[in-house]
């Protein structure tokens, strides 16, 4: 396989037309579908969460079933801060992201020594233990009832949250732009290139003098920070947080969204998360018992016939269209 020049690798995540088009589409939805802004905010939160997981799996090659731990911690940190009287929303998100990053930084040197099935089982066990601990600690987490009565001050002291979801939608979209830009800088840096080398052949990276575990631990911490930010935004948008943020279903959903959209490009999250969330919402309204069948059929079709997920299918179709236009 021919390798790309280093300059090409580092510049391939520069600003693209597709990114601008996606942002314009998100803004168009704000004006065209005001009745679906709450759903739209949930979609944007999940996009941020899937972006964080793409850094871990798509670029670092680390597959875990415990990513909901960082999402849930960020969500509860935001809730605890609000109930303690810290109602400034932006700083609360930053604190939640920092707390999740520190947790990932503490766990990384231990869990990332494992690979494949042992890593899956250990992270799955950690996720289950955290969920059960949160379930038992009713005085801290609220147990099955969760934490309610969460309120945050107007954003920048000006923009009230309101009931229509307009403020939370634009606020979450703003955070998505920031997180996406930062992750683009990470993956297009020499550090990001090293992560891709570790994903492809960790043994060879060790032979050429790269330290694998510290690189993976730092990526784990960055991914955890982004997941914690998504969790805090979830709490702020819903004014509530429950045990579901720690559930295994959350980790599995994130994996499905990323596989559906496409691994290792960040752009898969922009496609996979919205399509999954919208299909889940509207197909469950159509049939609350068999909505997963729709998701399953789509996922099977994408895995079998579309290399690289929906993003890979779109790129292949665009490439064929350009080649056909030149002939």
C-alpha atoms as a PDB file:
ATOM      1  CA  UNK A   1       0.000   0.000   0.000  1.00  0.00           C
ATOM      2  CA  UNK A   2       1.370   3.385  -0.982  1.00  0.00           C
ATOM      3  CA  UNK A   3       1.757   5.725   1.978  1.00  0.00           C
ATOM      4  CA  UNK A   4       0.650   9.317   1.838  1.00  0.00           C
ATOM      5  CA  UNK A   5       3.253  12.058   2.220  1.00  0.00           C
ATOM      6  CA  UNK A   6       3.336  13.465   5.734  1.00  0.00           C
ATOM      7  CA  UNK A   7       2.137  16.891   4.584  1.00  0.00           C
ATOM      8  CA  UNK A   8      -0.831  15.272   2.872  1.00  0.00           C
ATOM      9  CA  UNK A   9      -1.753  13.343   6.009  1.00  0.00           C
ATOM     10  CA  UNK A  10      -1.553  16.432   8.193  1.00  0.00           C
ATOM     11  CA  UNK A  11      -3.636  18.583   5.850  1.00  0.00           C
ATOM     12  CA  UNK A  12      -6.417  16.215   4.902  1.00  0.00           C
ATOM     13  CA  UNK A  13      -8.604  17.434   7.756  1.00  0.00           C
ATOM     14  CA  UNK A  14      -8.465  21.099   6.769  1.00  0.00           C
ATOM     15  CA  UNK A  15     -11.747  22.967   6.320  1.00  0.00           C
ATOM     16  CA  UNK A  16     -13.901  21.323   3.667  1.00  0.00           C
ATOM     17  CA  UNK A  17     -17.037  22.224   1.790  1.00  0.00           C
ATOM     18  CA  UNK A  18     -18.880  19.315   3.388  1.00  0.00           C
ATOM     19  CA  UNK A  19     -18.251  20.674   6.869  1.00  0.00           C
ATOM     20  CA  UNK A  20     -19.666  24.071   5.949  1.00  0.00           C
ATOM     21  CA  UNK A  21     -22.638  22.406   4.256  1.00  0.00           C
ATOM     22  CA  UNK A  22     -23.340  20.303   7.359  1.00  0.00           C
ATOM     23  CA  UNK A  23     -23.242  23.396   9.575  1.00  0.00           C
ATOM     24  CA  UNK A  24     -25.537  25.300   7.230  1.00  0.00           C
ATOM     25  CA  UNK A  25     -27.939  22.342   7.229  1.00  0.00           C
ATOM     26  CA  UNK A  26     -27.954  22.329  11.036  1.00  0.00           C
ATOM     27  CA  UNK A  27     -28.756  26.055  11.040  1.00  0.00           C
ATOM     28  CA  UNK A  28     -31.461  25.539   8.407  1.00  0.00           C
ATOM     29  CA  UNK A  29     -33.093  22.905  10.601  1.00  0.00           C
ATOM     30  CA  UNK A  30     -33.187  25.442  13.428  1.00  0.00           C
ATOM     31  CA  UNK A  31     -35.402  27.721  11.329  1.00  0.00           C
ATOM     32  CA  UNK A  32     -37.354  25.104   9.373  1.00  0.00           C
ATOM     33  CA  UNK A  33     -38.298  22.658  12.147  1.00  0.00           C
ATOM     34  CA  UNK A  34     -38.691  24.575  15.427  1.00  0.00           C
ATOM     35  CA  UNK A  35     -40.968  21.844  16.794  1.00  0.00           C
ATOM     36  CA  UNK A  36     -38.095  19.312  16.633  1.00  0.00           C
ATOM     37  CA  UNK A  37     -35.384  21.364  18.326  1.00  0.00           C
ATOM     38  CA  UNK A  38     -35.374  19.197  21.458  1.00  0.00           C
ATOM     39  CA  UNK A  39     -34.755  16.147  19.297  1.00  0.00           C
ATOM     40  CA  UNK A  40     -32.167  18.117  17.340  1.00  0.00           C
ATOM     41  CA  UNK A  41     -30.319  18.995  20.540  1.00  0.00           C
ATOM     42  CA  UNK A  42     -30.216  15.321  21.517  1.00  0.00           C
ATOM     43  CA  UNK A  43     -28.807  14.516  18.077  1.00  0.00           C
ATOM     44  CA  UNK A  44     -26.071  17.135  18.452  1.00  0.00           C
ATOM     45  CA  UNK A  45     -25.127  15.799  21.889  1.00  0.00           C
ATOM     46  CA  UNK A  46     -24.782  12.304  20.445  1.00  0.00           C
ATOM     47  CA  UNK A  47     -22.687  13.625  17.556  1.00  0.00           C
ATOM     48  CA  UNK A  48     -20.192  15.000  20.097  1.00  0.00           C
ATOM     49  CA  UNK A  49     -20.180  11.675  21.957  1.00  0.00           C
ATOM     50  CA  UNK A  50     -19.599   9.701  18.743  1.00  0.00           C
ATOM     51  CA  UNK A  51     -16.811  12.108  17.755  1.00  0.00           C
ATOM     52  CA  UNK A  52     -15.092  11.346  21.054  1.00  0.00           C
ATOM     53  CA  UNK A  53     -15.389   7.615  20.413  1.00  0.00           C
ATOM     54  CA  UNK A  54     -14.086   7.966  16.861  1.00  0.00           C
ATOM     55  CA  UNK A  55     -10.829   9.371  18.227  1.00  0.00           C
ATOM     56  CA  UNK A  56     -10.536   6.276  20.379  1.00  0.00           C
ATOM     57  CA  UNK A  57     -11.625   3.567  17.934  1.00  0.00           C
ATOM     58  CA  UNK A  58     -11.255   5.089  14.487  1.00  0.00           C
ATOM     59  CA  UNK A  59      -7.834   6.681  14.994  1.00  0.00           C
ATOM     60  CA  UNK A  60      -6.334   4.717  17.905  1.00  0.00           C
ATOM     61  CA  UNK A  61      -7.849   1.291  17.254  1.00  0.00           C
ATOM     62  CA  UNK A  62      -9.094   0.972  20.857  1.00  0.00           C
ATOM     63  CA  UNK A  63     -12.493  -0.717  21.114  1.00  0.00           C
ATOM     64  CA  UNK A  64     -14.169  -0.471  24.533  1.00  0.00           C
ATOM     65  CA  UNK A  65     -17.632  -0.993  25.959  1.00  0.00           C
ATOM     66  CA  UNK A  66     -17.178   1.507  28.779  1.00  0.00           C
ATOM     67  CA  UNK A  67     -17.373   4.856  27.032  1.00  0.00           C
ATOM     68  CA  UNK A  68     -20.665   5.653  28.766  1.00  0.00           C
ATOM     69  CA  UNK A  69     -18.715   6.006  32.026  1.00  0.00           C
ATOM     70  CA  UNK A  70     -17.172   9.283  30.838  1.00  0.00           C
ATOM     71  CA  UNK A  71     -20.443  10.510  29.334  1.00  0.00           C
ATOM     72  CA  UNK A  72     -22.289   9.712  32.554  1.00  0.00           C
ATOM     73  CA  UNK A  73     -19.672  11.301  34.784  1.00  0.00           C
ATOM     74  CA  UNK A  74     -19.830  14.521  32.782  1.00  0.00           C
ATOM     75  CA  UNK A  75     -23.620  14.471  32.986  1.00  0.00           C
ATOM     76  CA  UNK A  76     -23.680  14.002  36.751  1.00  0.00           C
ATOM     77  CA  UNK A  77     -20.887  16.528  37.356  1.00  0.00           C
ATOM     78  CA  UNK A  78     -23.017  19.168  35.599  1.00  0.00           C
ATOM     79  CA  UNK A  79     -26.034  18.157  37.673  1.00  0.00           C
ATOM     80  CA  UNK A  80     -24.125  18.228  40.964  1.00  0.00           C
ATOM     81  CA  UNK A  81     -22.637  21.625  40.160  1.00  0.00           C
ATOM     82  CA  UNK A  82     -26.073  23.065  39.448  1.00  0.00           C
ATOM     83  CA  UNK A  83     -27.599  21.689  42.636  1.00  0.00           C
ATOM     84  CA  UNK A  84     -24.596  23.019  44.582  1.00  0.00           C
ATOM     85  CA  UNK A  85     -25.252  26.527  43.247  1.00  0.00           C
ATOM     86  CA  UNK A  86     -22.717  26.632  40.393  1.00  0.00           C
ATOM     87  CA  UNK A  87     -25.070  27.577  37.604  1.00  0.00           C
ATOM     88  CA  UNK A  88     -22.728  29.191  35.052  1.00  0.00           C
ATOM     89  CA  UNK A  89     -23.195  26.776  32.103  1.00  0.00           C
ATOM     90  CA  UNK A  90     -19.962  27.126  30.096  1.00  0.00           C
ATOM     91  CA  UNK A  91     -17.623  26.674  33.060  1.00  0.00           C
ATOM     92  CA  UNK A  92     -19.748  23.729  34.238  1.00  0.00           C
ATOM     93  CA  UNK A  93     -19.200  22.011  30.882  1.00  0.00           C
ATOM     94  CA  UNK A  94     -15.455  22.619  31.121  1.00  0.00           C
ATOM     95  CA  UNK A  95     -15.312  21.204  34.655  1.00  0.00           C
ATOM     96  CA  UNK A  96     -17.299  18.139  33.547  1.00  0.00           C
ATOM     97  CA  UNK A  97     -14.946  17.582  30.614  1.00  0.00           C
ATOM     98  CA  UNK A  98     -11.910  17.950  32.877  1.00  0.00           C
ATOM     99  CA  UNK A  99     -13.298  15.465  35.423  1.00  0.00           C
ATOM    100  CA  UNK A 100     -13.951  12.873  32.720  1.00  0.00           C
ATOM    101  CA  UNK A 101     -10.482  13.442  31.260  1.00  0.00           C
ATOM    102  CA  UNK A 102      -8.872  12.887  34.678  1.00  0.00           C
ATOM    103  CA  UNK A 103     -10.824   9.664  35.149  1.00  0.00           C
ATOM    104  CA  UNK A 104      -9.706   8.442  31.716  1.00  0.00           C
ATOM    105  CA  UNK A 105      -6.141   9.472  32.510  1.00  0.00           C
ATOM    106  CA  UNK A 106      -6.258   7.403  35.709  1.00  0.00           C
ATOM    107  CA  UNK A 107      -7.791   4.333  34.043  1.00  0.00           C
ATOM    108  CA  UNK A 108      -5.799   4.474  30.803  1.00  0.00           C
ATOM    109  CA  UNK A 109      -2.412   3.136  31.976  1.00  0.00           C
ATOM    110  CA  UNK A 110      -4.155   0.032  33.346  1.00  0.00           C
ATOM    111  CA  UNK A 111      -6.913  -0.851  30.857  1.00  0.00           C
ATOM    112  CA  UNK A 112      -4.977   0.096  27.722  1.00  0.00           C
ATOM    113  CA  UNK A 113      -2.336  -2.517  28.449  1.00  0.00           C
ATOM    114  CA  UNK A 114      -5.012  -4.950  27.284  1.00  0.00           C
ATOM    115  CA  UNK A 115      -6.212  -5.503  23.726  1.00  0.00           C
ATOM    116  CA  UNK A 116      -9.060  -7.205  21.899  1.00  0.00           C
ATOM    117  CA  UNK A 117     -11.369  -9.409  24.015  1.00  0.00           C
ATOM    118  CA  UNK A 118      -9.670  -8.791  27.410  1.00  0.00           C
ATOM    119  CA  UNK A 119      -9.987  -5.030  26.851  1.00  0.00           C
ATOM    120  CA  UNK A 120     -13.650  -5.398  25.888  1.00  0.00           C
ATOM    121  CA  UNK A 121     -14.441  -7.494  28.941  1.00  0.00           C
ATOM    122  CA  UNK A 122     -12.579  -5.260  31.412  1.00  0.00           C
ATOM    123  CA  UNK A 123     -14.178  -2.042  30.107  1.00  0.00           C
ATOM    124  CA  UNK A 124     -17.554  -3.768  30.064  1.00  0.00           C
ATOM    125  CA  UNK A 125     -17.024  -4.776  33.699  1.00  0.00           C
ATOM    126  CA  UNK A 126     -16.008  -1.233  34.645  1.00  0.00           C
ATOM    127  CA  UNK A 127     -19.131   0.129  33.002  1.00  0.00           C
ATOM    128  CA  UNK A 128     -21.374  -2.359  34.811  1.00  0.00           C
ATOM    129  CA  UNK A 129     -19.691  -1.669  38.164  1.00  0.00           C
ATOM    130  CA  UNK A 130     -20.076   2.097  37.745  1.00  0.00           C
ATOM    131  CA  UNK A 131     -23.740   1.687  36.796  1.00  0.00           C
ATOM    132  CA  UNK A 132     -24.450  -0.512  39.820  1.00  0.00           C
ATOM    133  CA  UNK A 133     -22.536   1.823  42.135  1.00  0.00           C
ATOM    134  CA  UNK A 134     -24.534   4.785  40.847  1.00  0.00           C
ATOM    135  CA  UNK A 135     -27.742   2.788  41.285  1.00  0.00           C
ATOM    136  CA  UNK A 136     -26.936   2.029  44.919  1.00  0.00           C
ATOM    137  CA  UNK A 137     -25.678   5.532  45.785  1.00  0.00           C
ATOM    138  CA  UNK A 138     -29.153   7.053  45.833  1.00  0.00           C
ATOM    139  CA  UNK A 139     -28.057   9.901  48.080  1.00  0.00           C
ATOM    140  CA  UNK A 140     -25.599  11.079  45.427  1.00  0.00           C
ATOM    141  CA  UNK A 141     -27.154  10.074  42.114  1.00  0.00           C
ATOM    142  CA  UNK A 142     -30.830   9.971  43.003  1.00  0.00           C
ATOM    143  CA  UNK A 143     -30.952   6.282  42.098  1.00  0.00           C
ATOM    144  CA  UNK A 144     -33.779   5.339  39.756  1.00  0.00           C
ATOM    145  CA  UNK A 145     -35.302   8.812  40.169  1.00  0.00           C
ATOM    146  CA  UNK A 146     -32.181  10.629  38.966  1.00  0.00           C
ATOM    147  CA  UNK A 147     -31.425  14.268  39.706  1.00  0.00           C
ATOM    148  CA  UNK A 148     -34.111  16.844  39.006  1.00  0.00           C
ATOM    149  CA  UNK A 149     -34.455  20.532  39.742  1.00  0.00           C
ATOM    150  CA  UNK A 150     -31.345  21.280  37.715  1.00  0.00           C
ATOM    151  CA  UNK A 151     -31.161  24.867  36.496  1.00  0.00           C
ATOM    152  CA  UNK A 152     -28.474  26.927  34.854  1.00  0.00           C
ATOM    153  CA  UNK A 153     -28.080  30.666  34.471  1.00  0.00           C
ATOM    154  CA  UNK A 154     -28.584  32.316  31.075  1.00  0.00           C
ATOM    155  CA  UNK A 155     -25.721  31.660  28.675  1.00  0.00           C
ATOM    156  CA  UNK A 156     -23.221  34.534  28.817  1.00  0.00           C
ATOM    157  CA  UNK A 157     -25.736  36.171  31.140  1.00  0.00           C
ATOM    158  CA  UNK A 158     -27.974  37.022  28.169  1.00  0.00           C
ATOM    159  CA  UNK A 159     -29.587  33.989  26.518  1.00  0.00           C
ATOM    160  CA  UNK A 160     -32.301  32.321  28.602  1.00  0.00           C
ATOM    161  CA  UNK A 161     -32.812  28.592  28.150  1.00  0.00           C
ATOM    162  CA  UNK A 162     -36.546  28.877  27.515  1.00  0.00           C
ATOM    163  CA  UNK A 163     -38.964  26.025  26.817  1.00  0.00           C
ATOM    164  CA  UNK A 164     -38.777  25.820  23.029  1.00  0.00           C
ATOM    165  CA  UNK A 165     -35.228  24.483  22.923  1.00  0.00           C
ATOM    166  CA  UNK A 166     -33.876  27.250  20.681  1.00  0.00           C
ATOM    167  CA  UNK A 167     -31.131  28.352  23.055  1.00  0.00           C
ATOM    168  CA  UNK A 168     -30.040  24.815  23.961  1.00  0.00           C
ATOM    169  CA  UNK A 169     -29.924  23.823  20.267  1.00  0.00           C
ATOM    170  CA  UNK A 170     -27.659  26.703  19.227  1.00  0.00           C
ATOM    171  CA  UNK A 171     -25.605  26.373  22.412  1.00  0.00           C
ATOM    172  CA  UNK A 172     -24.997  22.668  21.783  1.00  0.00           C
ATOM    173  CA  UNK A 173     -24.255  23.344  18.126  1.00  0.00           C
ATOM    174  CA  UNK A 174     -21.643  25.891  19.200  1.00  0.00           C
ATOM    175  CA  UNK A 175     -19.988  23.327  21.461  1.00  0.00           C
ATOM    176  CA  UNK A 176     -20.075  20.786  18.633  1.00  0.00           C
ATOM    177  CA  UNK A 177     -18.199  23.177  16.346  1.00  0.00           C
ATOM    178  CA  UNK A 178     -15.560  23.763  19.042  1.00  0.00           C
ATOM    179  CA  UNK A 179     -15.106  20.049  19.832  1.00  0.00           C
ATOM    180  CA  UNK A 180     -14.988  19.111  16.143  1.00  0.00           C
ATOM    181  CA  UNK A 181     -12.371  21.784  15.423  1.00  0.00           C
ATOM    182  CA  UNK A 182     -10.213  20.711  18.379  1.00  0.00           C
ATOM    183  CA  UNK A 183     -10.413  17.028  17.446  1.00  0.00           C
ATOM    184  CA  UNK A 184      -9.501  17.893  13.857  1.00  0.00           C
ATOM    185  CA  UNK A 185      -6.397  19.636  15.149  1.00  0.00           C
ATOM    186  CA  UNK A 186      -5.546  16.581  17.243  1.00  0.00           C
ATOM    187  CA  UNK A 187      -5.932  13.985  14.494  1.00  0.00           C
ATOM    188  CA  UNK A 188      -4.122  16.085  11.889  1.00  0.00           C
ATOM    189  CA  UNK A 189      -1.154  16.732  14.196  1.00  0.00           C
ATOM    190  CA  UNK A 190       1.963  14.518  14.464  1.00  0.00           C
ATOM    191  CA  UNK A 191       0.325  13.023  17.560  1.00  0.00           C
ATOM    192  CA  UNK A 192      -2.697  12.025  15.477  1.00  0.00           C
ATOM    193  CA  UNK A 193      -0.469  10.493  12.811  1.00  0.00           C
ATOM    194  CA  UNK A 194       1.291   8.482  15.538  1.00  0.00           C
ATOM    195  CA  UNK A 195      -2.089   7.230  16.778  1.00  0.00           C
ATOM    196  CA  UNK A 196      -2.908   5.973  13.291  1.00  0.00           C
ATOM    197  CA  UNK A 197       0.453   4.213  13.159  1.00  0.00           C
ATOM    198  CA  UNK A 198      -0.302   2.545  16.491  1.00  0.00           C
ATOM    199  CA  UNK A 199      -3.696   1.490  15.179  1.00  0.00           C
ATOM    200  CA  UNK A 200      -2.127  -0.135  12.123  1.00  0.00           C
ATOM    201  CA  UNK A 201       0.919  -1.765  13.759  1.00  0.00           C
ATOM    202  CA  UNK A 202       1.767  -1.040  17.411  1.00  0.00           C
ATOM    203  CA  UNK A 203       4.765  -3.365  17.302  1.00  0.00           C
ATOM    204  CA  UNK A 204       6.385  -1.459  14.472  1.00  0.00           C
ATOM    205  CA  UNK A 205       5.740   1.851  16.249  1.00  0.00           C
ATOM    206  CA  UNK A 206       7.619   0.532  19.281  1.00  0.00           C
ATOM    207  CA  UNK A 207      10.515  -0.548  17.076  1.00  0.00           C
ATOM    208  CA  UNK A 208      10.916   2.946  15.641  1.00  0.00           C
ATOM    209  CA  UNK A 209      10.970   4.484  19.106  1.00  0.00           C
ATOM    210  CA  UNK A 210       7.367   5.579  19.713  1.00  0.00           C
ATOM    211  CA  UNK A 211       5.893   4.959  23.157  1.00  0.00           C
ATOM    212  CA  UNK A 212       2.546   3.276  22.552  1.00  0.00           C
ATOM    213  CA  UNK A 213       0.913   3.293  25.984  1.00  0.00           C
ATOM    214  CA  UNK A 214       1.467   7.024  26.731  1.00  0.00           C
ATOM    215  CA  UNK A 215       0.065   7.925  23.291  1.00  0.00           C
ATOM    216  CA  UNK A 216      -3.018   5.767  23.837  1.00  0.00           C
ATOM    217  CA  UNK A 217      -3.506   7.098  27.376  1.00  0.00           C
ATOM    218  CA  UNK A 218      -3.440  10.688  26.170  1.00  0.00           C
ATOM    219  CA  UNK A 219      -5.912   9.839  23.389  1.00  0.00           C
ATOM    220  CA  UNK A 220      -8.094   8.111  26.004  1.00  0.00           C
ATOM    221  CA  UNK A 221      -8.044  11.264  28.138  1.00  0.00           C
ATOM    222  CA  UNK A 222      -8.923  13.541  25.210  1.00  0.00           C
ATOM    223  CA  UNK A 223     -11.721  11.193  24.207  1.00  0.00           C
ATOM    224  CA  UNK A 224     -12.977  11.112  27.787  1.00  0.00           C
ATOM    225  CA  UNK A 225     -12.962  14.912  27.949  1.00  0.00           C
ATOM    226  CA  UNK A 226     -15.093  15.182  24.804  1.00  0.00           C
ATOM    227  CA  UNK A 227     -17.480  12.521  26.154  1.00  0.00           C
ATOM    228  CA  UNK A 228     -17.749  14.421  29.447  1.00  0.00           C
ATOM    229  CA  UNK A 229     -18.589  17.615  27.562  1.00  0.00           C
ATOM    230  CA  UNK A 230     -21.351  15.740  25.736  1.00  0.00           C
ATOM    231  CA  UNK A 231     -22.687  14.452  29.055  1.00  0.00           C
ATOM    232  CA  UNK A 232     -22.746  17.925  30.601  1.00  0.00           C
ATOM    233  CA  UNK A 233     -24.590  19.294  27.580  1.00  0.00           C
ATOM    234  CA  UNK A 234     -27.109  16.462  27.904  1.00  0.00           C
ATOM    235  CA  UNK A 235     -27.830  17.483  31.493  1.00  0.00           C
ATOM    236  CA  UNK A 236     -28.056  21.179  30.708  1.00  0.00           C
ATOM    237  CA  UNK A 237     -30.400  20.643  27.766  1.00  0.00           C
ATOM    238  CA  UNK A 238     -32.729  18.293  29.675  1.00  0.00           C
ATOM    239  CA  UNK A 239     -32.483  19.859  33.151  1.00  0.00           C
ATOM    240  CA  UNK A 240     -32.341  16.261  34.384  1.00  0.00           C
ATOM    241  CA  UNK A 241     -29.892  13.375  34.585  1.00  0.00           C
ATOM    242  CA  UNK A 242     -30.648   9.728  35.334  1.00  0.00           C
ATOM    243  CA  UNK A 243     -28.870   6.387  35.476  1.00  0.00           C
ATOM    244  CA  UNK A 244     -29.394   5.831  31.763  1.00  0.00           C
ATOM    245  CA  UNK A 245     -26.306   7.910  31.030  1.00  0.00           C
ATOM    246  CA  UNK A 246     -24.199   5.094  32.525  1.00  0.00           C
ATOM    247  CA  UNK A 247     -26.097   2.272  30.816  1.00  0.00           C
ATOM    248  CA  UNK A 248     -24.405  -0.240  28.539  1.00  0.00           C
ATOM    249  CA  UNK A 249     -26.969   0.697  25.888  1.00  0.00           C
ATOM    250  CA  UNK A 250     -25.319   4.112  25.623  1.00  0.00           C
ATOM    251  CA  UNK A 251     -21.910   2.593  24.826  1.00  0.00           C
ATOM    252  CA  UNK A 252     -23.445   0.160  22.330  1.00  0.00           C
ATOM    253  CA  UNK A 253     -25.474   2.904  20.627  1.00  0.00           C
ATOM    254  CA  UNK A 254     -22.329   4.995  20.184  1.00  0.00           C
ATOM    255  CA  UNK A 255     -20.532   2.060  18.577  1.00  0.00           C
ATOM    256  CA  UNK A 256     -23.456   1.409  16.221  1.00  0.00           C
ATOM    257  CA  UNK A 257     -23.629   5.072  15.210  1.00  0.00           C
ATOM    258  CA  UNK A 258     -19.920   5.166  14.461  1.00  0.00           C
ATOM    259  CA  UNK A 259     -19.969   1.947  12.420  1.00  0.00           C
ATOM    260  CA  UNK A 260     -23.034   3.209  10.574  1.00  0.00           C
ATOM    261  CA  UNK A 261     -21.419   6.528   9.702  1.00  0.00           C
ATOM    262  CA  UNK A 262     -17.864   5.326   9.140  1.00  0.00           C
ATOM    263  CA  UNK A 263     -14.730   4.944  11.260  1.00  0.00           C
ATOM    264  CA  UNK A 264     -11.614   7.039  11.363  1.00  0.00           C
ATOM    265  CA  UNK A 265     -12.475  10.304   9.716  1.00  0.00           C
ATOM    266  CA  UNK A 266     -14.558  12.240  12.270  1.00  0.00           C
ATOM    267  CA  UNK A 267     -17.070  12.785   9.457  1.00  0.00           C
ATOM    268  CA  UNK A 268     -18.755   9.458  10.131  1.00  0.00           C
ATOM    269  CA  UNK A 269     -20.100  10.872  13.398  1.00  0.00           C
ATOM    270  CA  UNK A 270     -21.744  13.744  11.513  1.00  0.00           C
ATOM    271  CA  UNK A 271     -23.700  11.231   9.442  1.00  0.00           C
ATOM    272  CA  UNK A 272     -24.126   8.140  11.617  1.00  0.00           C
ATOM    273  CA  UNK A 273     -25.430   9.823  14.767  1.00  0.00           C
ATOM    274  CA  UNK A 274     -28.170  11.924  13.081  1.00  0.00           C
ATOM    275  CA  UNK A 275     -29.399   9.045  10.914  1.00  0.00           C
ATOM    276  CA  UNK A 276     -29.466   6.607  13.839  1.00  0.00           C
ATOM    277  CA  UNK A 277     -31.198   9.053  16.180  1.00  0.00           C
ATOM    278  CA  UNK A 278     -33.788  10.124  13.618  1.00  0.00           C
ATOM    279  CA  UNK A 279     -34.533   6.556  12.543  1.00  0.00           C
ATOM    280  CA  UNK A 280     -34.836   5.529  16.175  1.00  0.00           C
ATOM    281  CA  UNK A 281     -37.219   8.394  16.931  1.00  0.00           C
ATOM    282  CA  UNK A 282     -39.540   8.104  13.950  1.00  0.00           C
ATOM    283  CA  UNK A 283     -39.508   4.317  13.576  1.00  0.00           C
ATOM    284  CA  UNK A 284     -40.291   3.887  17.287  1.00  0.00           C
ATOM    285  CA  UNK A 285     -43.294   6.156  16.777  1.00  0.00           C
ATOM    286  CA  UNK A 286     -44.327   3.955  13.863  1.00  0.00           C
ATOM    287  CA  UNK A 287     -43.884   0.754  15.880  1.00  0.00           C
ATOM    288  CA  UNK A 288     -42.531   0.849  19.443  1.00  0.00           C
ATOM    289  CA  UNK A 289     -41.757  -2.883  19.394  1.00  0.00           C
ATOM    290  CA  UNK A 290     -39.968  -3.414  16.073  1.00  0.00           C
ATOM    291  CA  UNK A 291     -38.115  -0.145  15.543  1.00  0.00           C
ATOM    292  CA  UNK A 292     -34.776  -1.911  16.136  1.00  0.00           C
ATOM    293  CA  UNK A 293     -35.485  -4.033  13.060  1.00  0.00           C
ATOM    294  CA  UNK A 294     -35.173  -0.915  10.895  1.00  0.00           C
ATOM    295  CA  UNK A 295     -31.836  -0.024  12.500  1.00  0.00           C
ATOM    296  CA  UNK A 296     -30.604  -3.600  12.226  1.00  0.00           C
ATOM    297  CA  UNK A 297     -31.450  -3.943   8.532  1.00  0.00           C
ATOM    298  CA  UNK A 298     -29.727  -0.649   7.719  1.00  0.00           C
ATOM    299  CA  UNK A 299     -26.632  -1.590   9.732  1.00  0.00           C
ATOM    300  CA  UNK A 300     -26.375  -5.018   8.063  1.00  0.00           C
ATOM    301  CA  UNK A 301     -26.723  -3.446   4.614  1.00  0.00           C
ATOM    302  CA  UNK A 302     -24.039  -0.842   5.362  1.00  0.00           C
ATOM    303  CA  UNK A 303     -21.592  -3.393   6.775  1.00  0.00           C
ATOM    304  CA  UNK A 304     -22.132  -5.862   3.921  1.00  0.00           C
ATOM    305  CA  UNK A 305     -22.242  -3.516   0.952  1.00  0.00           C
ATOM    306  CA  UNK A 306     -20.654  -0.276   2.063  1.00  0.00           C
ATOM    307  CA  UNK A 307     -17.000  -0.277   3.026  1.00  0.00           C
ATOM    308  CA  UNK A 308     -16.376   2.600   5.407  1.00  0.00           C
ATOM    309  CA  UNK A 309     -19.998   3.061   6.456  1.00  0.00           C
ATOM    310  CA  UNK A 310     -22.359   5.616   4.974  1.00  0.00           C
ATOM    311  CA  UNK A 311     -19.463   8.053   4.640  1.00  0.00           C
ATOM    312  CA  UNK A 312     -17.578   5.504   2.563  1.00  0.00           C
ATOM    313  CA  UNK A 313     -20.619   4.931   0.363  1.00  0.00           C
ATOM    314  CA  UNK A 314     -21.025   8.671  -0.192  1.00  0.00           C
ATOM    315  CA  UNK A 315     -17.330   9.102  -1.038  1.00  0.00           C
ATOM    316  CA  UNK A 316     -17.432   6.165  -3.462  1.00  0.00           C
ATOM    317  CA  UNK A 317     -20.539   7.535  -5.187  1.00  0.00           C
ATOM    318  CA  UNK A 318     -18.991  11.013  -5.453  1.00  0.00           C
ATOM    319  CA  UNK A 319     -15.767   9.563  -6.868  1.00  0.00           C
ATOM    320  CA  UNK A 320     -17.705   7.589  -9.498  1.00  0.00           C
ATOM    321  CA  UNK A 321     -19.745  10.665 -10.368  1.00  0.00           C
ATOM    322  CA  UNK A 322     -16.602  12.745 -10.911  1.00  0.00           C
ATOM    323  CA  UNK A 323     -14.960  10.033 -12.991  1.00  0.00           C
ATOM    324  CA  UNK A 324     -18.122   9.591 -15.022  1.00  0.00           C
ATOM    325  CA  UNK A 325     -18.306  13.317 -15.655  1.00  0.00           C
ATOM    326  CA  UNK A 326     -14.736  13.352 -17.023  1.00  0.00           C
ATOM    327  CA  UNK A 327     -15.292  10.464 -19.413  1.00  0.00           C
END
